[in-house]
Each structure stands twice: as structure tokens, then as C-alpha cells.
Amino acid sequence: MTSEILTSVGILAGMGLFFALVIAIADRKLRVVEDPRIDEVDELLPHANCGACGQPGCRAFAENVVNGTMSPSQCTVSSKSAVERIAAMLGVDAGEQEKIVARLLCAGGKREAHSLADYKGALRSCRAETVVNAGPKACSWGCLGLGDCADACNFDAIYMNEDGLPVVIAEKCGVQRLRGGLPQRAL
């Protein structure tokens, strides 16, 4: 009985050492060397992962800045001092980026655009109201006024006024211009 236990422990210890050796060799052979400046740039970014720069997140933006495919100023959410620190650290020009803010394209609030129906669904959201006959407003392009845009804004740059229309705080908005010259987000 004791020899069976010792044999089992010996086999498990041998397997553990074997796999540890395989992992150590694989680590040396398959290691991906990453530029340490990516971490430094990433630390200086706001970590909003908003996509305003056109990248899926701040880490991807940092990689592109270090690789030289994007300029530091393309993060329109970062403060000017953070953009300048990134540019100085990398020894590149900060660049210029026009900051475009979200704009309300509708003036049909509660007083101006009357409702054709009163939505009583369990989920009170613009998206849910739109599913039911394209929303309750007489104007199919009108703002429904339930604040989905304010909820979705990562920067607390949108709030709903008493007329049921979104108000954009331009200083907080992190939206930039796309290639075609159109704003990335419009309300």
C-alpha cells in the first residue's frame, strides 16, 4: 500500500516537472516582445475606451501611437497636457485634431411634437419605443426623449432637459470627425 502511494506521488511529481519544463521552453520560444512604451502611453490615456479615436479601446490607440500610425492628438478625450506629455515621451509631434461634439438634430420636444400614442411597455427606452410603430411621435425623425443617449454617453456630456430633449455639454464631449467629414455621433 505504501509503495503504491509513493509510486503515485513519484509519477505525479515527474509529470509536474516534465510539464513545467515544457512550459518554460515554450515561454522562451514563443514569447512576444512588446514595446514598453505602449504601457507608458496607455497609462497617460483616459481609459474611457470610447472609440472616439476610431480604435476599439485605449490600449489599441496606444499601440498605434507608438507604432506611428496615429498621432497623440487623435484621442480627443485626453487633456491637452496629456497629449503633449505623450508626444514629448515619444519624441513626435502631438498633431492637431478637430474636436467635434454631438449635436441635437431635432427641436421636437414634448411641447413642440405631439405624441400619437402613449407607450406603456415594461422597458422605457427610445429603442423599445422605436420598435413599436417607429415610436409615438408624429415626426418619425423626432427625439423620443427617454434619454438612451444620455445613458450611453461615457463622459456624462448629455443630460435631458425639461422638454425631453438632450442637452450636450460640449466641453465634456469626446466625439471626433470621421474620414468622410461626418460627425461620429449625432442625436
Foldseek 3Di string as FASTA:
>chain_A
DVVVVVVVVVVVVVVVVVVVVVVVVCCVVVPDDDDPQLVVLLVLDPFLCPCQLVDSTSSVVSSCCLVPNDALCSQVQGDPVSLVVSCVVSVHDNDDFDFDFAEEPAPCFPVRWPFQDDDDDPDPDQVVQCVPVCHGTPDSPHDNLSCPVCVPDSQNQWDADPRSDIDGNSVRGRHGADPVRDTPDYD
